[in-house]
C-alpha cells in the first residue's frame, strides 16, 4: 500500500509539474505577445496625438477664418453705409446745384 501511495503521489507531482510548465509557457507566450504589441500601441498613441494636434490646428484655422469673415462683413457693412451716405450727399449736392442754376437763370 505504501508503494501504491508513493506512485500516486509521484504521478500527482509529475502532473503538477506538467501543469506548472504549461502555465509558465502560457505566461511566456502572453508576455511575448504583449512585448510585440507594445510598439504598435506606442505607434498608435503617437499617431493619435498627431491626429489630435492636426485637428486642433484645423479648429484654430476655422476659428480664425470665421473671425476674419466676421471682420470682413463688418468692413463691408461700414463701407456700404459710407457709400449710402456719400450717395445721399451727392444727391443733395445735385439738388443744391440745380437750385443754384435755377436761381442764376432767374436772375440773369
C-alpha atoms as a PDB file:
ATOM      1  CA  UNK A   1       0.000   0.000   0.000  1.00  0.00           C
ATOM      2  CA  UNK A   2       2.838   2.451   0.680  1.00  0.00           C
ATOM      3  CA  UNK A   3       4.295   1.768  -2.745  1.00  0.00           C
ATOM      4  CA  UNK A   4       0.925   2.488  -4.351  1.00  0.00           C
ATOM      5  CA  UNK A   5       0.568   5.757  -2.445  1.00  0.00           C
ATOM      6  CA  UNK A   6       4.103   6.787  -3.422  1.00  0.00           C
ATOM      7  CA  UNK A   7       3.375   6.026  -7.108  1.00  0.00           C
ATOM      8  CA  UNK A   8       0.144   8.010  -6.915  1.00  0.00           C
ATOM      9  CA  UNK A   9       1.951  10.838  -5.180  1.00  0.00           C
ATOM     10  CA  UNK A  10       4.729  10.755  -7.791  1.00  0.00           C
ATOM     11  CA  UNK A  11       2.134  10.740 -10.546  1.00  0.00           C
ATOM     12  CA  UNK A  12       0.325  13.707  -8.977  1.00  0.00           C
ATOM     13  CA  UNK A  13       3.626  15.535  -8.565  1.00  0.00           C
ATOM     14  CA  UNK A  14       4.555  14.870 -12.192  1.00  0.00           C
ATOM     15  CA  UNK A  15       1.118  16.166 -13.300  1.00  0.00           C
ATOM     16  CA  UNK A  16       1.570  19.280 -11.156  1.00  0.00           C
ATOM     17  CA  UNK A  17       4.986  19.868 -12.772  1.00  0.00           C
ATOM     18  CA  UNK A  18       3.462  19.491 -16.260  1.00  0.00           C
ATOM     19  CA  UNK A  19       0.734  21.983 -15.319  1.00  0.00           C
ATOM     20  CA  UNK A  20       3.329  24.383 -13.922  1.00  0.00           C
ATOM     21  CA  UNK A  21       5.437  24.101 -17.098  1.00  0.00           C
ATOM     22  CA  UNK A  22       2.337  24.655 -19.252  1.00  0.00           C
ATOM     23  CA  UNK A  23       1.373  27.687 -17.148  1.00  0.00           C
ATOM     24  CA  UNK A  24       4.890  29.102 -17.449  1.00  0.00           C
ATOM     25  CA  UNK A  25       4.841  28.535 -21.225  1.00  0.00           C
ATOM     26  CA  UNK A  26       1.460  30.278 -21.456  1.00  0.00           C
ATOM     27  CA  UNK A  27       2.757  33.157 -19.322  1.00  0.00           C
ATOM     28  CA  UNK A  28       5.832  33.477 -21.554  1.00  0.00           C
ATOM     29  CA  UNK A  29       3.691  33.410 -24.710  1.00  0.00           C
ATOM     30  CA  UNK A  30       1.400  36.098 -23.334  1.00  0.00           C
ATOM     31  CA  UNK A  31       4.407  38.204 -22.329  1.00  0.00           C
ATOM     32  CA  UNK A  32       5.873  37.792 -25.831  1.00  0.00           C
ATOM     33  CA  UNK A  33       2.561  38.934 -27.348  1.00  0.00           C
ATOM     34  CA  UNK A  34       2.466  41.933 -25.014  1.00  0.00           C
ATOM     35  CA  UNK A  35       6.071  42.793 -25.855  1.00  0.00           C
ATOM     36  CA  UNK A  36       5.266  42.532 -29.582  1.00  0.00           C
ATOM     37  CA  UNK A  37       2.105  44.645 -29.207  1.00  0.00           C
ATOM     38  CA  UNK A  38       3.779  47.417 -27.204  1.00  0.00           C
ATOM     39  CA  UNK A  39       5.481  49.109 -30.198  1.00  0.00           C
ATOM     40  CA  UNK A  40       2.184  49.005 -32.097  1.00  0.00           C
ATOM     41  CA  UNK A  41       0.404  50.556 -29.114  1.00  0.00           C
ATOM     42  CA  UNK A  42       3.053  53.270 -28.855  1.00  0.00           C
ATOM     43  CA  UNK A  43       2.813  53.921 -32.603  1.00  0.00           C
ATOM     44  CA  UNK A  44      -0.984  54.167 -32.383  1.00  0.00           C
ATOM     45  CA  UNK A  45      -0.668  56.508 -29.403  1.00  0.00           C
ATOM     46  CA  UNK A  46       1.767  58.744 -31.317  1.00  0.00           C
ATOM     47  CA  UNK A  47      -0.496  58.728 -34.378  1.00  0.00           C
ATOM     48  CA  UNK A  48      -3.483  59.646 -32.206  1.00  0.00           C
ATOM     49  CA  UNK A  49      -1.569  62.539 -30.662  1.00  0.00           C
ATOM     50  CA  UNK A  50      -0.606  63.755 -34.147  1.00  0.00           C
ATOM     51  CA  UNK A  51      -4.242  63.493 -35.268  1.00  0.00           C
ATOM     52  CA  UNK A  52      -5.350  65.474 -32.221  1.00  0.00           C
ATOM     53  CA  UNK A  53      -2.748  68.161 -32.902  1.00  0.00           C
ATOM     54  CA  UNK A  54      -3.807  68.376 -36.553  1.00  0.00           C
ATOM     55  CA  UNK A  55      -7.462  68.500 -35.538  1.00  0.00           C
ATOM     56  CA  UNK A  56      -6.709  71.338 -33.119  1.00  0.00           C
ATOM     57  CA  UNK A  57      -4.807  73.172 -35.860  1.00  0.00           C
ATOM     58  CA  UNK A  58      -7.784  72.823 -38.236  1.00  0.00           C
ATOM     59  CA  UNK A  59     -10.120  74.004 -35.486  1.00  0.00           C
ATOM     60  CA  UNK A  60      -7.898  77.030 -34.846  1.00  0.00           C
ATOM     61  CA  UNK A  61      -7.747  77.805 -38.570  1.00  0.00           C
ATOM     62  CA  UNK A  62     -11.541  77.570 -38.862  1.00  0.00           C
ATOM     63  CA  UNK A  63     -11.939  79.833 -35.834  1.00  0.00           C
ATOM     64  CA  UNK A  64      -9.518  82.355 -37.358  1.00  0.00           C
ATOM     65  CA  UNK A  65     -11.320  82.178 -40.715  1.00  0.00           C
ATOM     66  CA  UNK A  66     -14.665  82.800 -39.010  1.00  0.00           C
ATOM     67  CA  UNK A  67     -13.182  85.762 -37.177  1.00  0.00           C
ATOM     68  CA  UNK A  68     -11.788  87.185 -40.424  1.00  0.00           C
ATOM     69  CA  UNK A  69     -15.149  86.628 -42.119  1.00  0.00           C
ATOM     70  CA  UNK A  70     -16.969  88.460 -39.342  1.00  0.00           C
ATOM     71  CA  UNK A  71     -14.449  91.308 -39.557  1.00  0.00           C
ATOM     72  CA  UNK A  72     -14.824  91.423 -43.343  1.00  0.00           C
ATOM     73  CA  UNK A  73     -18.613  91.533 -43.027  1.00  0.00           C
ATOM     74  CA  UNK A  74     -18.300  94.416 -40.574  1.00  0.00           C
ATOM     75  CA  UNK A  75     -15.955  96.217 -43.001  1.00  0.00           C
ATOM     76  CA  UNK A  76     -18.393  95.617 -45.869  1.00  0.00           C
ATOM     77  CA  UNK A  77     -21.297  96.918 -43.765  1.00  0.00           C
ATOM     78  CA  UNK A  78     -19.278 100.000 -42.853  1.00  0.00           C
ATOM     79  CA  UNK A  79     -18.276 100.591 -46.476  1.00  0.00           C
ATOM     80  CA  UNK A  80     -21.888 100.127 -47.611  1.00  0.00           C
ATOM     81  CA  UNK A  81     -23.111 102.685 -45.064  1.00  0.00           C
ATOM     82  CA  UNK A  82     -20.373 105.113 -46.151  1.00  0.00           C
ATOM     83  CA  UNK A  83     -21.328 104.614 -49.816  1.00  0.00           C
ATOM     84  CA  UNK A  84     -25.004 105.207 -48.975  1.00  0.00           C
ATOM     85  CA  UNK A  85     -24.113 108.353 -47.061  1.00  0.00           C
ATOM     86  CA  UNK A  86     -21.924 109.510 -49.955  1.00  0.00           C
ATOM     87  CA  UNK A  87     -24.755 108.873 -52.434  1.00  0.00           C
ATOM     88  CA  UNK A  88     -27.163 110.896 -50.270  1.00  0.00           C
ATOM     89  CA  UNK A  89     -24.602 113.713 -50.046  1.00  0.00           C
ATOM     90  CA  UNK A  90     -24.102 113.584 -53.826  1.00  0.00           C
ATOM     91  CA  UNK A  91     -27.876 113.717 -54.416  1.00  0.00           C
ATOM     92  CA  UNK A  92     -28.168 116.688 -52.036  1.00  0.00           C
ATOM     93  CA  UNK A  93     -25.336 118.485 -53.825  1.00  0.00           C
ATOM     94  CA  UNK A  94     -27.026 117.847 -57.197  1.00  0.00           C
ATOM     95  CA  UNK A  95     -30.252 119.326 -55.880  1.00  0.00           C
ATOM     96  CA  UNK A  96     -28.362 122.329 -54.488  1.00  0.00           C
ATOM     97  CA  UNK A  97     -26.561 122.769 -57.826  1.00  0.00           C
ATOM     98  CA  UNK A  98     -29.817 122.551 -59.730  1.00  0.00           C
ATOM     99  CA  UNK A  99     -31.378 125.079 -57.383  1.00  0.00           C
ATOM    100  CA  UNK A 100     -28.420 127.424 -57.934  1.00  0.00           C
ATOM    101  CA  UNK A 101     -28.794 127.044 -61.732  1.00  0.00           C
ATOM    102  CA  UNK A 102     -32.464 127.936 -61.489  1.00  0.00           C
ATOM    103  CA  UNK A 103     -31.585 130.979 -59.349  1.00  0.00           C
ATOM    104  CA  UNK A 104     -28.913 132.012 -61.870  1.00  0.00           C
ATOM    105  CA  UNK A 105     -31.322 131.690 -64.793  1.00  0.00           C
ATOM    106  CA  UNK A 106     -33.980 133.700 -62.939  1.00  0.00           C
ATOM    107  CA  UNK A 107     -31.536 136.477 -62.004  1.00  0.00           C
ATOM    108  CA  UNK A 108     -29.754 136.559 -65.320  1.00  0.00           C
END
